PDB file of N, CA and C in Angstrom:
ATOM      1  N   MET A   1     204.717 136.692  32.049  1.00  0.00           N
ATOM      2  CA  MET A   1     203.969 135.736  32.821  1.00  0.00           C
ATOM      3  C   MET A   1     202.767 135.286  31.985  1.00  0.00           C
ATOM      4  N   ASN A   2     202.533 133.997  31.956  1.00  0.00           N
ATOM      5  CA  ASN A   2     201.402 133.499  31.175  1.00  0.00           C
ATOM      6  C   ASN A   2     200.185 133.289  32.070  1.00  0.00           C
ATOM      7  N   LYS A   3     199.022 133.045  31.446  1.00  0.00           N
ATOM      8  CA  LYS A   3     197.765 132.909  32.188  1.00  0.00           C
ATOM      9  C   LYS A   3     197.799 131.786  33.209  1.00  0.00           C
ATOM     10  N   ASN A   4     198.512 130.692  32.924  1.00  0.00           N
ATOM     11  CA  ASN A   4     198.586 129.588  33.882  1.00  0.00           C
ATOM     12  C   ASN A   4     199.247 130.018  35.184  1.00  0.00           C
ATOM     13  N   GLN A   5     200.135 131.009  35.101  1.00  0.00           N
ATOM     14  CA  GLN A   5     200.821 131.467  36.291  1.00  0.00           C
ATOM     15  C   GLN A   5     199.949 132.374  37.151  1.00  0.00           C
ATOM     16  N   TYR A   6     199.080 133.155  36.543  1.00  0.00           N
ATOM     17  CA  TYR A   6     198.268 134.050  37.362  1.00  0.00           C
ATOM     18  C   TYR A   6     196.806 133.647  37.468  1.00  0.00           C
ATOM     19  N   ASN A   7     196.321 132.749  36.637  1.00  0.00           N
ATOM     20  CA  ASN A   7     194.939 132.273  36.720  1.00  0.00           C
ATOM     21  C   ASN A   7     194.865 131.023  37.587  1.00  0.00           C
ATOM     22  N   GLN A   8     195.094 131.177  38.877  1.00  0.00           N
ATOM     23  CA  GLN A   8     195.005 130.060  39.800  1.00  0.00           C
ATOM     24  C   GLN A   8     194.410 130.544  41.114  1.00  0.00           C
ATOM     25  N   VAL A   9     193.827 129.649  41.844  1.00  0.00           N
ATOM     26  CA  VAL A   9     193.078 130.001  43.048  1.00  0.00           C
ATOM     27  C   VAL A   9     193.906 130.830  44.018  1.00  0.00           C
ATOM     28  N   ALA A  10     195.156 130.504  44.193  1.00  0.00           N
ATOM     29  CA  ALA A  10     195.992 131.219  45.161  1.00  0.00           C
ATOM     30  C   ALA A  10     196.257 132.664  44.752  1.00  0.00           C
ATOM     31  N   ASN A  11     195.840 133.066  43.557  1.00  0.00           N
ATOM     32  CA  ASN A  11     196.029 134.445  43.134  1.00  0.00           C
ATOM     33  C   ASN A  11     194.714 135.211  43.094  1.00  0.00           C
ATOM     34  N   TYR A  12     193.604 134.565  43.406  1.00  0.00           N
ATOM     35  CA  TYR A  12     192.305 135.232  43.348  1.00  0.00           C
ATOM     36  C   TYR A  12     191.948 135.888  44.673  1.00  0.00           C
ATOM     37  N   VAL A  13     191.367 137.074  44.566  1.00  0.00           N
ATOM     38  CA  VAL A  13     190.794 137.768  45.709  1.00  0.00           C
ATOM     39  C   VAL A  13     189.518 138.418  45.205  1.00  0.00           C
ATOM     40  N   ILE A  14     188.458 138.286  45.972  1.00  0.00           N
ATOM     41  CA  ILE A  14     187.204 138.936  45.602  1.00  0.00           C
ATOM     42  C   ILE A  14     187.307 140.401  45.998  1.00  0.00           C
ATOM     43  N   THR A  15     187.076 141.280  45.030  1.00  0.00           N
ATOM     44  CA  THR A  15     187.094 142.714  45.303  1.00  0.00           C
ATOM     45  C   THR A  15     185.822 143.347  44.764  1.00  0.00           C
ATOM     46  N   GLN A  16     185.485 144.472  45.344  1.00  0.00           N
ATOM     47  CA  GLN A  16     184.365 145.234  44.813  1.00  0.00           C
ATOM     48  C   GLN A  16     184.740 145.693  43.407  1.00  0.00           C
ATOM     49  N   SER A  17     183.755 145.787  42.536  1.00  0.00           N
ATOM     50  CA  SER A  17     184.050 146.124  41.145  1.00  0.00           C
ATOM     51  C   SER A  17     184.733 147.479  41.020  1.00  0.00           C
ATOM     52  N   GLU A  18     184.354 148.463  41.831  1.00  0.00           N
ATOM     53  CA  GLU A  18     184.995 149.780  41.716  1.00  0.00           C
ATOM     54  C   GLU A  18     186.460 149.734  42.143  1.00  0.00           C
ATOM     55  N   ILE A  19     186.784 148.853  43.101  1.00  0.00           N
ATOM     56  CA  ILE A  19     188.189 148.704  43.503  1.00  0.00           C
ATOM     57  C   ILE A  19     188.958 147.985  42.404  1.00  0.00           C
ATOM     58  N   ASN A  20     188.366 146.950  41.849  1.00  0.00           N
ATOM     59  CA  ASN A  20     189.001 146.224  40.751  1.00  0.00           C
ATOM     60  C   ASN A  20     189.278 147.161  39.567  1.00  0.00           C
ATOM     61  N   ILE A  21     188.332 148.022  39.258  1.00  0.00           N
ATOM     62  CA  ILE A  21     188.509 148.991  38.166  1.00  0.00           C
ATOM     63  C   ILE A  21     189.617 149.976  38.523  1.00  0.00           C
ATOM     64  N   ALA A  22     189.652 150.440  39.771  1.00  0.00           N
ATOM     65  CA  ALA A  22     190.687 151.391  40.194  1.00  0.00           C
ATOM     66  C   ALA A  22     192.078 150.764  40.121  1.00  0.00           C
ATOM     67  N   ILE A  23     192.167 149.482  40.480  1.00  0.00           N
ATOM     68  CA  ILE A  23     193.456 148.780  40.411  1.00  0.00           C
ATOM     69  C   ILE A  23     193.856 148.575  38.960  1.00  0.00           C
ATOM     70  N   SER A  24     192.892 148.173  38.137  1.00  0.00           N
ATOM     71  CA  SER A  24     193.096 147.947  36.702  1.00  0.00           C
ATOM     72  C   SER A  24     194.292 147.028  36.492  1.00  0.00           C
ATOM     73  N   ASN A  25     195.256 147.481  35.722  1.00  0.00           N
ATOM     74  CA  ASN A  25     196.431 146.647  35.439  1.00  0.00           C
ATOM     75  C   ASN A  25     197.683 147.181  36.143  1.00  0.00           C
ATOM     76  N   LYS A  26     197.481 147.916  37.246  1.00  0.00           N
ATOM     77  CA  LYS A  26     198.621 148.451  38.000  1.00  0.00           C
ATOM     78  C   LYS A  26     199.417 147.316  38.630  1.00  0.00           C
ATOM     79  N   HIS A  27     200.694 147.495  38.684  1.00  0.00           N
ATOM     80  CA  HIS A  27     201.588 146.570  39.366  1.00  0.00           C
ATOM     81  C   HIS A  27     201.269 146.603  40.858  1.00  0.00           C
ATOM     82  N   PRO A  28     201.287 145.448  41.536  1.00  0.00           N
ATOM     83  CA  PRO A  28     200.971 145.431  42.973  1.00  0.00           C
ATOM     84  C   PRO A  28     201.768 146.431  43.804  1.00  0.00           C
ATOM     85  N   LYS A  29     203.043 146.646  43.488  1.00  0.00           N
ATOM     86  CA  LYS A  29     203.824 147.619  44.260  1.00  0.00           C
ATOM     87  C   LYS A  29     203.209 149.012  44.147  1.00  0.00           C
ATOM     88  N   VAL A  30     202.635 149.321  42.984  1.00  0.00           N
ATOM     89  CA  VAL A  30     202.028 150.637  42.776  1.00  0.00           C
ATOM     90  C   VAL A  30     200.764 150.766  43.612  1.00  0.00           C
ATOM     91  N   TYR A  31     199.820 149.819  43.443  1.00  0.00           N
ATOM     92  CA  TYR A  31     198.568 150.012  44.168  1.00  0.00           C
ATOM     93  C   TYR A  31     198.711 149.767  45.657  1.00  0.00           C
ATOM     94  N   PHE A  32     199.619 148.908  46.084  1.00  0.00           N
ATOM     95  CA  PHE A  32     199.828 148.776  47.524  1.00  0.00           C
ATOM     96  C   PHE A  32     200.467 150.043  48.092  1.00  0.00           C
ATOM     97  N   GLY A  33     201.335 150.674  47.314  1.00  0.00           N
ATOM     98  CA  GLY A  33     201.887 151.969  47.725  1.00  0.00           C
ATOM     99  C   GLY A  33     200.787 153.003  47.889  1.00  0.00           C
ATOM    100  N   GLU A  34     199.833 152.998  46.960  1.00  0.00           N
ATOM    101  CA  GLU A  34     198.708 153.931  47.033  1.00  0.00           C
ATOM    102  C   GLU A  34     197.797 153.604  48.225  1.00  0.00           C
ATOM    103  N   ILE A  35     197.651 152.329  48.534  1.00  0.00           N
ATOM    104  CA  ILE A  35     196.852 151.951  49.704  1.00  0.00           C
ATOM    105  C   ILE A  35     197.536 152.444  50.972  1.00  0.00           C
ATOM    106  N   TRP A  36     198.868 152.304  51.058  1.00  0.00           N
ATOM    107  CA  TRP A  36     199.581 152.788  52.240  1.00  0.00           C
ATOM    108  C   TRP A  36     199.450 154.301  52.350  1.00  0.00           C
ATOM    109  N   GLU A  37     199.475 155.012  51.213  1.00  0.00           N
ATOM    110  CA  GLU A  37     199.240 156.459  51.250  1.00  0.00           C
ATOM    111  C   GLU A  37     197.839 156.739  51.792  1.00  0.00           C
ATOM    112  N   GLN A  38     196.851 155.970  51.319  1.00  0.00           N
ATOM    113  CA  GLN A  38     195.457 156.139  51.730  1.00  0.00           C
ATOM    114  C   GLN A  38     195.308 155.992  53.239  1.00  0.00           C
ATOM    115  N   ILE A  39     195.935 154.964  53.819  1.00  0.00           N
ATOM    116  CA  ILE A  39     195.765 154.750  55.256  1.00  0.00           C
ATOM    117  C   ILE A  39     196.604 155.721  56.087  1.00  0.00           C
ATOM    118  N   ASN A  40     197.446 156.484  55.418  1.00  0.00           N
ATOM    119  CA  ASN A  40     198.235 157.504  56.113  1.00  0.00           C
ATOM    120  C   ASN A  40     197.721 158.906  55.794  1.00  0.00           C
ATOM    121  N   GLY A  41     196.418 158.989  55.493  1.00  0.00           N
ATOM    122  CA  GLY A  41     195.794 160.295  55.293  1.00  0.00           C
ATOM    123  C   GLY A  41     195.766 160.791  53.859  1.00  0.00           C
ATOM    124  N   GLY A  42     196.234 159.973  52.913  1.00  0.00           N
ATOM    125  CA  GLY A  42     196.235 160.386  51.513  1.00  0.00           C
ATOM    126  C   GLY A  42     194.878 160.202  50.859  1.00  0.00           C
ATOM    127  N   LYS A  43     194.845 160.427  49.571  1.00  0.00           N
ATOM    128  CA  LYS A  43     193.616 160.302  48.790  1.00  0.00           C
ATOM    129  C   LYS A  43     193.042 158.895  48.920  1.00  0.00           C
ATOM    130  N   GLN A  44     191.728 158.822  49.105  1.00  0.00           N
ATOM    131  CA  GLN A  44     191.062 157.531  49.226  1.00  0.00           C
ATOM    132  C   GLN A  44     190.757 156.988  47.833  1.00  0.00           C
ATOM    133  N   ARG A  45     191.473 155.916  47.454  1.00  0.00           N
ATOM    134  CA  ARG A  45     191.351 155.342  46.117  1.00  0.00           C
ATOM    135  C   ARG A  45     190.717 153.955  46.113  1.00  0.00           C
ATOM    136  N   TYR A  46     190.905 153.229  47.201  1.00  0.00           N
ATOM    137  CA  TYR A  46     190.531 151.820  47.229  1.00  0.00           C
ATOM    138  C   TYR A  46     189.646 151.509  48.438  1.00  0.00           C
ATOM    139  N   GLY A  47     188.357 151.650  48.283  1.00  0.00           N
ATOM    140  CA  GLY A  47     187.422 151.282  49.331  1.00  0.00           C
ATOM    141  C   GLY A  47     187.528 152.138  50.574  1.00  0.00           C
ATOM    142  N   ASN A  48     187.097 151.575  51.687  1.00  0.00           N
ATOM    143  CA  ASN A  48     186.995 152.334  52.932  1.00  0.00           C
ATOM    144  C   ASN A  48     188.033 151.962  53.964  1.00  0.00           C
ATOM    145  N   ILE A  49     189.088 151.296  53.563  1.00  0.00           N
ATOM    146  CA  ILE A  49     190.155 150.950  54.509  1.00  0.00           C
ATOM    147  C   ILE A  49     190.975 152.210  54.763  1.00  0.00           C
ATOM    148  N   THR A  50     190.982 152.652  56.038  1.00  0.00           N
ATOM    149  CA  THR A  50     191.657 153.914  56.348  1.00  0.00           C
ATOM    150  C   THR A  50     192.714 153.796  57.441  1.00  0.00           C
ATOM    151  N   THR A  51     192.902 152.573  57.979  1.00  0.00           N
ATOM    152  CA  THR A  51     193.928 152.391  59.010  1.00  0.00           C
ATOM    153  C   THR A  51     194.752 151.144  58.699  1.00  0.00           C
ATOM    154  N   ALA A  52     195.947 151.119  59.255  1.00  0.00           N
ATOM    155  CA  ALA A  52     196.814 149.951  59.075  1.00  0.00           C
ATOM    156  C   ALA A  52     196.166 148.714  59.694  1.00  0.00           C
ATOM    157  N   GLU A  53     195.445 148.897  60.792  1.00  0.00           N
ATOM    158  CA  GLU A  53     194.779 147.767  61.447  1.00  0.00           C
ATOM    159  C   GLU A  53     193.707 147.165  60.547  1.00  0.00           C
ATOM    160  N   GLU A  54     192.929 148.026  59.873  1.00  0.00           N
ATOM    161  CA  GLU A  54     191.904 147.537  58.945  1.00  0.00           C
ATOM    162  C   GLU A  54     192.537 146.807  57.771  1.00  0.00           C
ATOM    163  N   LEU A  55     193.650 147.336  57.281  1.00  0.00           N
ATOM    164  CA  LEU A  55     194.344 146.702  56.165  1.00  0.00           C
ATOM    165  C   LEU A  55     194.887 145.339  56.579  1.00  0.00           C
ATOM    166  N   GLU A  56     195.505 145.268  57.753  1.00  0.00           N
ATOM    167  CA  GLU A  56     196.031 143.993  58.240  1.00  0.00           C
ATOM    168  C   GLU A  56     194.906 142.979  58.443  1.00  0.00           C
ATOM    169  N   ALA A  57     193.767 143.427  58.975  1.00  0.00           N
ATOM    170  CA  ALA A  57     192.624 142.527  59.164  1.00  0.00           C
ATOM    171  C   ALA A  57     192.105 142.029  57.817  1.00  0.00           C
ATOM    172  N   ASN A  58     192.094 142.904  56.824  1.00  0.00           N
ATOM    173  CA  ASN A  58     191.656 142.522  55.489  1.00  0.00           C
ATOM    174  C   ASN A  58     192.614 141.495  54.891  1.00  0.00           C
ATOM    175  N   PHE A  59     193.908 141.719  55.047  1.00  0.00           N
ATOM    176  CA  PHE A  59     194.901 140.759  54.556  1.00  0.00           C
ATOM    177  C   PHE A  59     194.710 139.406  55.233  1.00  0.00           C
ATOM    178  N   GLU A  60     194.509 139.421  56.550  1.00  0.00           N
ATOM    179  CA  GLU A  60     194.336 138.158  57.271  1.00  0.00           C
ATOM    180  C   GLU A  60     193.078 137.437  56.803  1.00  0.00           C
ATOM    181  N   MET A  61     191.986 138.183  56.654  1.00  0.00           N
ATOM    182  CA  MET A  61     190.725 137.590  56.218  1.00  0.00           C
ATOM    183  C   MET A  61     190.863 136.957  54.831  1.00  0.00           C
ATOM    184  N   ASN A  62     191.686 137.557  53.981  1.00  0.00           N
ATOM    185  CA  ASN A  62     191.865 137.073  52.619  1.00  0.00           C
ATOM    186  C   ASN A  62     193.126 136.235  52.431  1.00  0.00           C
ATOM    187  N   CYS A  63     193.766 135.849  53.550  1.00  0.00           N
ATOM    188  CA  CYS A  63     194.956 134.988  53.517  1.00  0.00           C
ATOM    189  C   CYS A  63     196.081 135.590  52.673  1.00  0.00           C
ATOM    190  N   ILE A  64     196.288 136.889  52.816  1.00  0.00           N
ATOM    191  CA  ILE A  64     197.359 137.574  52.094  1.00  0.00           C
ATOM    192  C   ILE A  64     198.594 137.591  52.993  1.00  0.00           C
ATOM    193  N   PRO A  65     199.720 137.094  52.509  1.00  0.00           N
ATOM    194  CA  PRO A  65     200.934 137.052  53.333  1.00  0.00           C
ATOM    195  C   PRO A  65     201.416 138.437  53.758  1.00  0.00           C
ATOM    196  N   ASN A  66     202.028 138.493  54.943  1.00  0.00           N
ATOM    197  CA  ASN A  66     202.634 139.737  55.417  1.00  0.00           C
ATOM    198  C   ASN A  66     203.720 140.185  54.441  1.00  0.00           C
ATOM    199  N   GLY A  67     203.837 141.473  54.289  1.00  0.00           N
ATOM    200  CA  GLY A  67     204.891 142.027  53.444  1.00  0.00           C
ATOM    201  C   GLY A  67     204.578 142.048  51.965  1.00  0.00           C
ATOM    202  N   ILE A  68     203.340 141.786  51.591  1.00  0.00           N
ATOM    203  CA  ILE A  68     202.990 141.739  50.167  1.00  0.00           C
ATOM    204  C   ILE A  68     203.299 143.056  49.459  1.00  0.00           C
ATOM    205  N   GLU A  69     203.191 144.154  50.192  1.00  0.00           N
ATOM    206  CA  GLU A  69     203.430 145.452  49.562  1.00  0.00           C
ATOM    207  C   GLU A  69     204.873 145.622  49.089  1.00  0.00           C
ATOM    208  N   ASN A  70     205.756 144.757  49.539  1.00  0.00           N
ATOM    209  CA  ASN A  70     207.165 144.839  49.142  1.00  0.00           C
ATOM    210  C   ASN A  70     207.546 143.843  48.055  1.00  0.00           C
ATOM    211  N   LEU A  71     206.590 143.030  47.626  1.00  0.00           N
ATOM    212  CA  LEU A  71     206.902 141.985  46.652  1.00  0.00           C
ATOM    213  C   LEU A  71     206.830 142.513  45.225  1.00  0.00           C
ATOM    214  N   ASP A  72     207.550 141.843  44.351  1.00  0.00           N
ATOM    215  CA  ASP A  72     207.446 142.115  42.924  1.00  0.00           C
ATOM    216  C   ASP A  72     207.318 140.776  42.204  1.00  0.00           C
ATOM    217  N   THR A  73     207.349 140.809  40.903  1.00  0.00           N
ATOM    218  CA  THR A  73     207.128 139.576  40.139  1.00  0.00           C
ATOM    219  C   THR A  73     208.190 138.515  40.417  1.00  0.00           C
ATOM    220  N   ASP A  74     209.363 138.917  40.852  1.00  0.00           N
ATOM    221  CA  ASP A  74     210.404 137.936  41.182  1.00  0.00           C
ATOM    222  C   ASP A  74     210.004 137.082  42.381  1.00  0.00           C
ATOM    223  N   ASN A  75     209.095 137.608  43.238  1.00  0.00           N
ATOM    224  CA  ASN A  75     208.659 136.902  44.438  1.00  0.00           C
ATOM    225  C   ASN A  75     207.303 136.223  44.262  1.00  0.00           C
ATOM    226  N   TYR A  76     206.777 136.215  43.050  1.00  0.00           N
ATOM    227  CA  TYR A  76     205.414 135.746  42.809  1.00  0.00           C
ATOM    228  C   TYR A  76     205.205 134.290  43.231  1.00  0.00           C
ATOM    229  N   GLU A  77     206.096 133.407  42.849  1.00  0.00           N
ATOM    230  CA  GLU A  77     205.939 131.989  43.209  1.00  0.00           C
ATOM    231  C   GLU A  77     205.971 131.796  44.720  1.00  0.00           C
ATOM    232  N   ALA A  78     206.854 132.512  45.404  1.00  0.00           N
ATOM    233  CA  ALA A  78     206.922 132.413  46.863  1.00  0.00           C
ATOM    234  C   ALA A  78     205.629 132.945  47.489  1.00  0.00           C
ATOM    235  N   PHE A  79     205.085 134.034  46.933  1.00  0.00           N
ATOM    236  CA  PHE A  79     203.803 134.566  47.399  1.00  0.00           C
ATOM    237  C   PHE A  79     202.717 133.506  47.269  1.00  0.00           C
ATOM    238  N   LEU A  80     202.634 132.860  46.106  1.00  0.00           N
ATOM    239  CA  LEU A  80     201.608 131.834  45.890  1.00  0.00           C
ATOM    240  C   LEU A  80     201.757 130.682  46.879  1.00  0.00           C
ATOM    241  N   GLU A  81     202.984 130.246  47.087  1.00  0.00           N
ATOM    242  CA  GLU A  81     203.223 129.145  48.024  1.00  0.00           C
ATOM    243  C   GLU A  81     202.771 129.513  49.431  1.00  0.00           C
ATOM    244  N   GLU A  82     203.133 130.709  49.869  1.00  0.00           N
ATOM    245  CA  GLU A  82     202.768 131.133  51.221  1.00  0.00           C
ATOM    246  C   GLU A  82     201.251 131.331  51.328  1.00  0.00           C
ATOM    247  N   ARG A  83     200.640 131.887  50.303  1.00  0.00           N
ATOM    248  CA  ARG A  83     199.191 132.098  50.353  1.00  0.00           C
ATOM    249  C   ARG A  83     198.443 130.764  50.362  1.00  0.00           C
ATOM    250  N   ARG A  84     198.929 129.785  49.610  1.00  0.00           N
ATOM    251  CA  ARG A  84     198.298 128.460  49.642  1.00  0.00           C
ATOM    252  C   ARG A  84     198.315 127.879  51.060  1.00  0.00           C
ATOM    253  N   VAL A  85     199.424 128.045  51.759  1.00  0.00           N
ATOM    254  CA  VAL A  85     199.530 127.562  53.137  1.00  0.00           C
ATOM    255  C   VAL A  85     198.521 128.284  54.026  1.00  0.00           C
ATOM    256  N   LEU A  86     198.450 129.615  53.906  1.00  0.00           N
ATOM    257  CA  LEU A  86     197.505 130.384  54.715  1.00  0.00           C
ATOM    258  C   LEU A  86     196.060 129.986  54.416  1.00  0.00           C
ATOM    259  N   MET A  87     195.750 129.756  53.147  1.00  0.00           N
ATOM    260  CA  MET A  87     194.397 129.344  52.771  1.00  0.00           C
ATOM    261  C   MET A  87     194.070 127.964  53.354  1.00  0.00           C
ATOM    262  N   ALA A  88     195.014 127.056  53.271  1.00  0.00           N
ATOM    263  CA  ALA A  88     194.805 125.706  53.805  1.00  0.00           C
ATOM    264  C   ALA A  88     194.617 125.753  55.318  1.00  0.00           C
ATOM    265  N   GLN A  89     195.398 126.585  55.997  1.00  0.00           N
ATOM    266  CA  GLN A  89     195.255 126.707  57.452  1.00  0.00           C
ATOM    267  C   GLN A  89     193.881 127.257  57.818  1.00  0.00           C
ATOM    268  N   LYS A  90     193.413 128.237  57.073  1.00  0.00           N
ATOM    269  CA  LYS A  90     192.100 128.820  57.340  1.00  0.00           C
ATOM    270  C   LYS A  90     190.992 127.786  57.129  1.00  0.00           C
ATOM    271  N   ILE A  91     191.093 127.040  56.058  1.00  0.00           N
ATOM    272  CA  ILE A  91     190.094 126.000  55.778  1.00  0.00           C
ATOM    273  C   ILE A  91     190.118 124.945  56.880  1.00  0.00           C
ATOM    274  N   ARG A  92     191.315 124.560  57.289  1.00  0.00           N
ATOM    275  CA  ARG A  92     191.438 123.538  58.343  1.00  0.00           C
ATOM    276  C   ARG A  92     190.811 124.044  59.655  1.00  0.00           C
ATOM    277  N   ARG A  93     191.098 125.294  60.019  1.00  0.00           N
ATOM    278  CA  ARG A  93     190.507 125.852  61.251  1.00  0.00           C
ATOM    279  C   ARG A  93     188.991 125.857  61.165  1.00  0.00           C
ATOM    280  N   TYR A  94     188.476 126.199  59.998  1.00  0.00           N
ATOM    281  CA  TYR A  94     187.021 126.212  59.816  1.00  0.00           C
ATOM    282  C   TYR A  94     186.436 124.806  60.026  1.00  0.00           C
ATOM    283  N   PHE A  95     186.997 123.817  59.347  1.00  0.00           N
ATOM    284  CA  PHE A  95     186.476 122.461  59.494  1.00  0.00           C
ATOM    285  C   PHE A  95     186.616 121.945  60.920  1.00  0.00           C
ATOM    286  N   GLU A  96     187.725 122.274  61.584  1.00  0.00           N
ATOM    287  CA  GLU A  96     187.893 121.845  62.970  1.00  0.00           C
ATOM    288  C   GLU A  96     186.880 122.516  63.881  1.00  0.00           C
ATOM    289  N   SER A  97     186.447 123.719  63.528  1.00  0.00           N
ATOM    290  CA  SER A  97     185.468 124.428  64.366  1.00  0.00           C
ATOM    291  C   SER A  97     184.066 123.826  64.256  1.00  0.00           C
ATOM    292  N   LEU A  98     183.845 122.992  63.247  1.00  0.00           N
ATOM    293  CA  LEU A  98     182.535 122.379  63.064  1.00  0.00           C
ATOM    294  C   LEU A  98     182.273 121.285  64.088  1.00  0.00           C
ATOM    295  N   GLY A  99     183.366 120.841  64.729  1.00  0.00           N
ATOM    296  CA  GLY A  99     183.352 119.936  65.809  1.00  0.00           C
ATOM    297  C   GLY A  99     182.719 118.662  65.714  1.00  0.00           C
TER     298      GLY A  99
END
């Protein structure tokens, strides 16, 4: 994968620096697996998310599509497309709320 494929807005998420360092260059399936372990009572590796509800709320807040923990690089383009839609919907709701 080249930089043009991953250096785009639909792939950015703001994370705390310690979480970004902990993730490092791990494949998403790896660190999402570790996050699921964390919320099921495992070692706390990534911030203070400790329940599935908190994780789902975080995904929604950051426009992360459902099922991301099951995706791999073969699904990357579909992930970007779906995330762009979620981001656009969030922006639209915000502007509509300005009334």
